[in-house]
């Protein structure tokens, strides 16, 4: 026998906030038993249509319609999976899953849950793991101003500016970390705009920190020779080593290497996801005694640097590496020039030492 189920939105006219609005509540009735839950939506009492149980303003009423639709879907989902559903069960499900986020941190948790599901689908958890830190930094800042959370309607541009200053002064974050955190904030606010919770993103015009010129990291010829002459006994490590060597000699990126399939057969390099490969390549760097952390993308940077050193025309290198803008390729030329300059400085110092030694004799 199917449960009797109904939803009734309503307002409590006796509880009015300082801004003149009141909360829109929802009464859940299943098999004669009732419970009430806040929808997180607010309206002015004069904008509530008691006969139709809806809000007169289009934007807020659209949010209410969407809330009711998602609640009905949640009811059907629980009934299908468990065979039984009560008003309290449905209320708890809605509360735990933040069916309709109304605060900044709720929106963050809602987005993190979506990223978690997406990471499982694509086999990479990097974005999901990074979101944990961005959400934590935002939570820390909100706590620092004496709040547990912030209704999305209360987020202002000044809030964004204060958060940016907090990241730089209190967290001592650099350009990249600060910008990543600001992007997470904007991401949540644009989601609120998409859900018609906000009309516009109040932090949409907030300026990001200016990025310094990108620094290409690469390996030296001596380090490459060590990699070539150091076979790894662990199968996964050896696979990473061979793929790294192949990328260094061809300039192909991780994505391109992973797509190499001869005659539609098994992949040439059956590489794991990026997260797992990072550890293998990192260990490879330790094995050869590299002081800086070794990453897979350094193989591609090394390819460009080696070609520049071999006097290959920069236009040809740009085409081989698939650069749409030759300025990207010119970055490798600067690396080579810097290396030559440092080597010359070392040579001059060495000559001074030899000259000083000869004078003493």
Protein backbone atom coordinates (compact mmCIF):
# COMPACT_ATOMS: atom_id res chain seq x y z
CA UNK A 1 0.00 0.00 0.00
CA UNK A 2 1.45 3.35 -1.06
CA UNK A 3 1.98 6.02 1.61
CA UNK A 4 -0.15 9.17 1.59
CA UNK A 5 2.27 12.03 1.07
CA UNK A 6 1.82 15.80 0.87
CA UNK A 7 3.83 19.02 1.19
CA UNK A 8 2.39 22.30 2.39
CA UNK A 9 4.53 25.47 2.33
CA UNK A 10 3.48 28.21 4.78
CA UNK A 11 4.83 31.15 6.81
CA UNK A 12 4.61 32.14 10.46
CA UNK A 13 3.46 35.75 10.42
CA UNK A 14 4.27 36.16 14.12
CA UNK A 15 8.00 35.66 13.57
CA UNK A 16 9.36 38.55 11.52
CA UNK A 17 13.10 39.27 11.15
CA UNK A 18 14.66 42.71 11.54
CA UNK A 19 14.75 43.11 7.75
CA UNK A 20 10.98 42.61 7.55
CA UNK A 21 11.05 39.06 6.15
CA UNK A 22 9.90 35.75 7.59
CA UNK A 23 10.97 32.17 6.93
CA UNK A 24 9.05 29.98 4.52
CA UNK A 25 8.40 26.63 6.20
CA UNK A 26 7.22 23.34 4.75
CA UNK A 27 4.89 20.89 6.48
CA UNK A 28 5.58 17.28 5.51
CA UNK A 29 2.69 14.86 5.97
CA UNK A 30 3.10 11.11 5.46
CA UNK A 31 0.40 8.65 6.54
CA UNK A 32 -1.19 11.26 8.78
CA UNK A 33 2.00 12.11 10.68
CA UNK A 34 3.50 15.55 10.29
CA UNK A 35 6.77 17.41 10.75
CA UNK A 36 7.94 20.88 9.69
CA UNK A 37 11.19 22.04 8.16
CA UNK A 38 12.58 25.40 7.13
CA UNK A 39 13.13 25.78 3.40
CA UNK A 40 15.82 28.42 3.92
CA UNK A 41 13.75 30.81 1.81
CA UNK A 42 12.48 34.15 3.15
CA UNK A 43 9.82 36.58 1.98
CA UNK A 44 7.84 39.52 3.25
CA UNK A 45 4.49 38.55 4.80
CA UNK A 46 2.67 40.76 2.29
CA UNK A 47 4.29 38.79 -0.55
CA UNK A 48 2.86 35.48 0.65
CA UNK A 49 -0.24 34.15 -1.11
CA UNK A 50 -1.98 32.02 1.51
CA UNK A 51 -4.61 30.71 -0.90
CA UNK A 52 -2.11 29.37 -3.43
CA UNK A 53 0.66 28.69 -0.88
CA UNK A 54 3.23 30.51 -2.95
CA UNK A 55 5.32 33.69 -3.02
CA UNK A 56 4.23 36.58 -5.18
CA UNK A 57 7.76 37.53 -6.23
CA UNK A 58 8.88 35.35 -9.17
CA UNK A 59 12.49 34.78 -8.09
CA UNK A 60 11.68 33.55 -4.56
CA UNK A 61 8.72 31.51 -5.78
CA UNK A 62 10.90 29.74 -8.35
CA UNK A 63 13.24 28.76 -5.52
CA UNK A 64 10.28 27.43 -3.54
CA UNK A 65 9.01 25.40 -6.52
CA UNK A 66 12.47 23.90 -6.96
CA UNK A 67 12.68 23.07 -3.25
CA UNK A 68 9.35 21.24 -3.35
CA UNK A 69 10.36 19.36 -6.50
CA UNK A 70 13.61 18.15 -4.94
CA UNK A 71 11.77 17.12 -1.76
CA UNK A 72 9.32 15.05 -3.82
CA UNK A 73 12.24 13.40 -5.60
CA UNK A 74 13.86 12.62 -2.24
CA UNK A 75 10.62 11.02 -1.03
CA UNK A 76 10.42 8.81 -4.14
CA UNK A 77 14.11 7.86 -3.80
CA UNK A 78 13.77 6.76 -0.14
CA UNK A 79 10.55 4.87 -0.85
CA UNK A 80 12.18 3.02 -3.74
CA UNK A 81 15.37 2.12 -1.87
CA UNK A 82 13.91 1.31 1.56
CA UNK A 83 10.28 0.46 0.83
CA UNK A 84 9.07 2.70 3.64
CA UNK A 85 9.38 6.39 4.44
CA UNK A 86 8.21 8.56 7.33
CA UNK A 87 7.97 12.32 7.73
CA UNK A 88 10.97 12.34 10.09
CA UNK A 89 13.03 10.15 7.74
CA UNK A 90 12.38 12.56 4.87
CA UNK A 91 13.16 15.58 7.03
CA UNK A 92 16.46 14.07 8.16
CA UNK A 93 17.36 13.17 4.57
CA UNK A 94 16.73 16.74 3.44
CA UNK A 95 18.77 18.20 6.31
CA UNK A 96 21.74 15.85 5.84
CA UNK A 97 21.90 16.28 2.07
CA UNK A 98 21.40 20.05 2.01
CA UNK A 99 18.78 19.69 -0.72
CA UNK A 100 18.62 23.46 -1.06
CA UNK A 101 21.80 25.19 0.26
CA UNK A 102 21.02 28.61 1.67
CA UNK A 103 24.33 29.50 3.33
CA UNK A 104 27.85 29.89 1.98
CA UNK A 105 29.33 26.87 3.76
CA UNK A 106 26.29 24.71 2.94
CA UNK A 107 26.83 25.55 -0.72
CA UNK A 108 30.47 24.54 -0.32
CA UNK A 109 29.56 21.15 1.14
CA UNK A 110 26.95 20.63 -1.57
CA UNK A 111 29.53 21.37 -4.28
CA UNK A 112 32.11 19.12 -2.59
CA UNK A 113 29.64 16.25 -2.65
CA UNK A 114 29.16 16.80 -6.39
CA UNK A 115 32.94 16.85 -6.90
CA UNK A 116 33.27 13.62 -4.93
CA UNK A 117 30.84 11.82 -7.23
CA UNK A 118 32.55 13.29 -10.30
CA UNK A 119 36.00 12.21 -9.04
CA UNK A 120 34.75 8.62 -8.75
CA UNK A 121 33.46 8.76 -12.31
CA UNK A 122 36.71 10.03 -13.86
CA UNK A 123 39.11 8.19 -11.52
CA UNK A 124 40.89 11.33 -10.25
CA UNK A 125 40.43 12.84 -6.79
CA UNK A 126 42.71 15.90 -7.14
CA UNK A 127 39.90 18.50 -7.49
CA UNK A 128 37.89 16.93 -4.68
CA UNK A 129 40.90 16.80 -2.34
CA UNK A 130 41.81 20.42 -3.13
CA UNK A 131 38.23 21.55 -2.39
CA UNK A 132 38.61 20.22 1.17
CA UNK A 133 41.33 22.80 1.84
CA UNK A 134 39.50 25.69 0.14
CA UNK A 135 36.38 24.92 2.15
CA UNK A 136 38.42 24.76 5.37
CA UNK A 137 40.09 28.13 4.74
CA UNK A 138 36.68 29.71 4.09
CA UNK A 139 35.30 28.11 7.26
CA UNK A 140 38.27 29.41 9.28
CA UNK A 141 37.73 32.95 8.00
CA UNK A 142 34.01 32.94 8.79
CA UNK A 143 34.84 31.69 12.30
CA UNK A 144 37.40 34.50 12.67
CA UNK A 145 34.63 37.09 12.23
CA UNK A 146 32.54 35.39 14.91
CA UNK A 147 30.11 33.50 12.67
CA UNK A 148 29.44 29.78 12.20
CA UNK A 149 28.14 30.31 8.67
CA UNK A 150 26.87 33.11 6.47
CA UNK A 151 23.54 33.29 4.60
CA UNK A 152 24.26 33.71 0.91
CA UNK A 153 22.25 36.93 0.86
CA UNK A 154 24.66 38.47 3.40
CA UNK A 155 27.81 37.91 1.32
CA UNK A 156 29.13 41.24 0.02
CA UNK A 157 32.11 42.49 -1.97
CA UNK A 158 33.62 43.76 1.30
CA UNK A 159 33.40 40.21 2.63
CA UNK A 160 35.41 39.03 -0.39
CA UNK A 161 38.02 41.78 0.08
CA UNK A 162 38.36 40.92 3.78
CA UNK A 163 38.76 37.25 2.95
CA UNK A 164 41.50 38.06 0.44
CA UNK A 165 43.34 40.17 3.03
CA UNK A 166 42.95 37.36 5.59
CA UNK A 167 44.53 34.83 3.23
CA UNK A 168 47.53 37.07 2.56
CA UNK A 169 48.17 38.43 6.05
CA UNK A 170 46.96 35.71 8.42
CA UNK A 171 47.57 32.61 6.29
CA UNK A 172 50.63 34.09 4.56
CA UNK A 173 49.45 32.63 1.25
CA UNK A 174 51.20 33.37 -2.02
CA UNK A 175 49.59 34.42 -5.28
CA UNK A 176 48.56 30.96 -6.43
CA UNK A 177 47.05 29.81 -3.11
CA UNK A 178 45.19 33.09 -2.63
CA UNK A 179 43.70 32.96 -6.13
CA UNK A 180 42.63 29.32 -5.73
CA UNK A 181 40.75 30.22 -2.55
CA UNK A 182 39.09 33.23 -4.20
CA UNK A 183 38.02 31.07 -7.15
CA UNK A 184 36.37 28.64 -4.74
CA UNK A 185 34.45 31.52 -3.14
CA UNK A 186 33.33 32.79 -6.56
CA UNK A 187 32.41 29.27 -7.62
CA UNK A 188 29.99 28.96 -4.70
CA UNK A 189 28.49 32.38 -5.36
CA UNK A 190 27.98 31.71 -9.07
CA UNK A 191 26.24 28.46 -8.11
CA UNK A 192 23.92 30.54 -5.94
CA UNK A 193 23.20 32.75 -8.96
CA UNK A 194 22.47 29.67 -11.11
CA UNK A 195 20.01 28.45 -8.46
CA UNK A 196 18.43 31.92 -8.39
CA UNK A 197 19.34 32.37 -4.73
CA UNK A 198 21.32 35.50 -5.66
CA UNK A 199 20.67 37.89 -8.51
CA UNK A 200 24.36 38.58 -9.08
CA UNK A 201 27.68 37.44 -7.65
CA UNK A 202 28.67 40.20 -5.18
CA UNK A 203 32.35 39.23 -5.49
CA UNK A 204 32.34 38.91 -9.27
CA UNK A 205 34.53 42.01 -9.70
CA UNK A 206 36.97 41.11 -6.95
CA UNK A 207 40.50 41.35 -8.37
CA UNK A 208 42.76 38.32 -8.22
CA UNK A 209 46.42 38.56 -7.33
CA UNK A 210 48.74 39.16 -10.29
CA UNK A 211 50.56 35.99 -11.19
CA UNK A 212 54.33 36.07 -11.58
CA UNK A 213 55.72 34.88 -14.89
CA UNK A 214 55.45 31.12 -15.16
CA UNK A 215 58.63 29.25 -14.27
CA UNK A 216 59.22 26.10 -16.30
CA UNK A 217 60.95 23.42 -14.27
CA UNK A 218 63.04 20.88 -16.12
CA UNK A 219 65.72 18.25 -15.59
CA UNK A 220 69.35 18.59 -16.63
CA UNK A 221 71.04 16.32 -19.15
CA UNK A 222 72.95 14.70 -16.30
CA UNK A 223 69.71 13.94 -14.45
CA UNK A 224 68.17 12.56 -17.64
CA UNK A 225 71.17 10.28 -18.09
CA UNK A 226 70.64 9.01 -14.53
CA UNK A 227 67.01 8.23 -15.29
CA UNK A 228 68.03 6.42 -18.48
CA UNK A 229 70.58 4.30 -16.62
CA UNK A 230 68.46 3.55 -13.54
CA UNK A 231 65.91 0.79 -14.24
CA UNK A 232 63.38 0.30 -11.43
CA UNK A 233 62.57 -3.14 -10.02
CA UNK A 234 59.01 -2.20 -9.05
CA UNK A 235 56.76 -2.65 -12.12
CA UNK A 236 54.76 0.52 -11.53
CA UNK A 237 57.90 2.56 -10.95
CA UNK A 238 59.48 1.17 -14.12
CA UNK A 239 56.34 1.99 -16.11
CA UNK A 240 56.47 5.57 -14.81
CA UNK A 241 60.19 5.80 -15.63
CA UNK A 242 59.70 4.61 -19.22
CA UNK A 243 56.74 6.93 -19.78
CA UNK A 244 58.75 9.85 -18.37
CA UNK A 245 61.65 9.05 -20.73
CA UNK A 246 59.28 8.81 -23.70
CA UNK A 247 57.71 12.18 -22.86
CA UNK A 248 61.15 13.77 -22.48
CA UNK A 249 62.12 12.54 -25.96
CA UNK A 250 58.82 13.41 -27.66
CA UNK A 251 57.36 16.33 -25.72
CA UNK A 252 54.04 14.52 -25.31
CA UNK A 253 51.96 15.35 -22.23
CA UNK A 254 50.42 12.82 -19.82
CA UNK A 255 47.06 12.93 -21.63
CA UNK A 256 48.68 12.21 -25.01
CA UNK A 257 50.83 9.39 -23.64
CA UNK A 258 47.83 7.71 -22.05
CA UNK A 259 45.95 7.78 -25.38
CA UNK A 260 48.69 5.98 -27.33
CA UNK A 261 47.10 2.78 -28.66
CA UNK A 262 48.81 0.87 -31.52
CA UNK A 263 46.19 -0.48 -33.93
CA UNK A 264 43.41 -0.12 -31.32
CA UNK A 265 45.08 -2.64 -29.04
CA UNK A 266 46.24 -2.25 -25.44
CA UNK A 267 47.76 1.15 -24.54
CA UNK A 268 51.52 1.51 -24.98
CA UNK A 269 51.75 2.94 -21.47
CA UNK A 270 48.90 1.68 -19.23
CA UNK A 271 49.39 4.57 -16.84
CA UNK A 272 47.43 4.97 -13.58
CA UNK A 273 45.53 8.16 -12.79
CA UNK A 274 47.45 11.40 -12.24
CA UNK A 275 47.41 11.12 -8.45
CA UNK A 276 49.00 7.65 -8.42
CA UNK A 277 51.51 8.59 -11.13
CA UNK A 278 52.60 11.62 -9.10
CA UNK A 279 53.90 9.36 -6.33
CA UNK A 280 55.77 7.09 -8.75
CA UNK A 281 57.53 9.99 -10.49
CA UNK A 282 58.25 11.66 -7.16
CA UNK A 283 59.97 8.47 -5.95
CA UNK A 284 61.91 8.32 -9.22
CA UNK A 285 63.29 11.80 -8.48
CA UNK A 286 64.40 10.69 -5.02
CA UNK A 287 66.09 7.62 -6.50
CA UNK A 288 68.27 9.68 -8.84
CA UNK A 289 69.07 12.17 -6.08
CA UNK A 290 67.21 15.16 -7.51
CA UNK A 291 67.04 17.96 -4.95
CA UNK A 292 63.76 19.49 -6.16
CA UNK A 293 60.54 17.52 -6.42
CA UNK A 294 60.28 15.68 -9.76
CA UNK A 295 56.93 15.91 -11.56
CA UNK A 296 55.76 14.24 -14.74
CA UNK A 297 55.25 17.52 -16.58
CA UNK A 298 58.95 18.32 -16.20
CA UNK A 299 59.56 15.74 -18.93
CA UNK A 300 57.73 17.96 -21.43
CA UNK A 301 59.52 21.08 -20.20
CA UNK A 302 62.84 19.24 -20.53
CA UNK A 303 62.02 18.35 -24.13
CA UNK A 304 61.58 22.03 -24.99
CA UNK A 305 64.72 23.07 -23.11
CA UNK A 306 66.87 20.37 -24.75
CA UNK A 307 65.72 21.46 -28.22
CA UNK A 308 66.48 25.12 -27.49
CA UNK A 309 69.97 24.09 -26.35
CA UNK A 310 70.41 22.17 -29.62
CA UNK A 311 69.73 25.39 -31.62
CA UNK A 312 66.43 24.13 -33.09
CA UNK A 313 64.41 27.11 -34.41
CA UNK A 314 61.89 28.26 -31.82
CA UNK A 315 59.06 28.23 -34.41
CA UNK A 316 59.67 24.54 -35.06
CA UNK A 317 59.70 23.77 -31.34
CA UNK A 318 56.39 25.62 -30.89
CA UNK A 319 54.77 23.44 -33.55
CA UNK A 320 56.23 20.22 -32.13
CA UNK A 321 54.94 21.08 -28.67
CA UNK A 322 51.54 22.27 -29.90
CA UNK A 323 51.93 25.81 -28.53
CA UNK A 324 49.35 28.17 -30.00
CA UNK A 325 51.36 31.17 -28.79
CA UNK A 326 55.09 31.32 -29.44
CA UNK A 327 55.54 33.34 -26.23
CA UNK A 328 54.96 30.09 -24.34
CA UNK A 329 57.88 28.50 -26.19
CA UNK A 330 60.07 31.54 -25.56
CA UNK A 331 59.90 30.64 -21.88
CA UNK A 332 62.22 27.72 -22.59
CA UNK A 333 64.68 30.06 -24.28
CA UNK A 334 64.79 32.19 -21.13
CA UNK A 335 65.50 29.07 -19.07
CA UNK A 336 68.44 28.24 -21.32
CA UNK A 337 69.77 31.83 -21.21
CA UNK A 338 69.57 31.82 -17.41
CA UNK A 339 71.37 28.49 -17.26
CA UNK A 340 74.15 29.75 -19.53
CA UNK A 341 74.48 32.90 -17.45
CA UNK A 342 74.78 30.91 -14.20
CA UNK A 343 77.28 28.52 -15.78
CA UNK A 344 79.37 31.48 -16.96
CA UNK A 345 79.29 32.96 -13.44
CA UNK A 346 80.54 29.67 -12.03
CA UNK A 347 83.27 29.52 -14.68
CA UNK A 348 84.42 33.06 -13.88
CA UNK A 349 84.52 32.26 -10.15
CA UNK A 350 86.53 29.13 -10.88
CA UNK A 351 89.04 31.10 -12.98
CA UNK A 352 89.44 33.67 -10.19
CA UNK A 353 90.18 30.88 -7.71
CA UNK A 354 92.79 29.35 -10.06
CA UNK A 355 94.36 32.76 -10.69
CA UNK A 356 94.52 33.51 -6.97
CA UNK A 357 96.15 30.16 -6.33
CA UNK A 358 98.80 30.74 -8.99
CA UNK A 359 99.68 34.17 -7.51
CA UNK A 360 100.27 32.61 -4.10
CA UNK A 361 102.79 30.25 -5.65
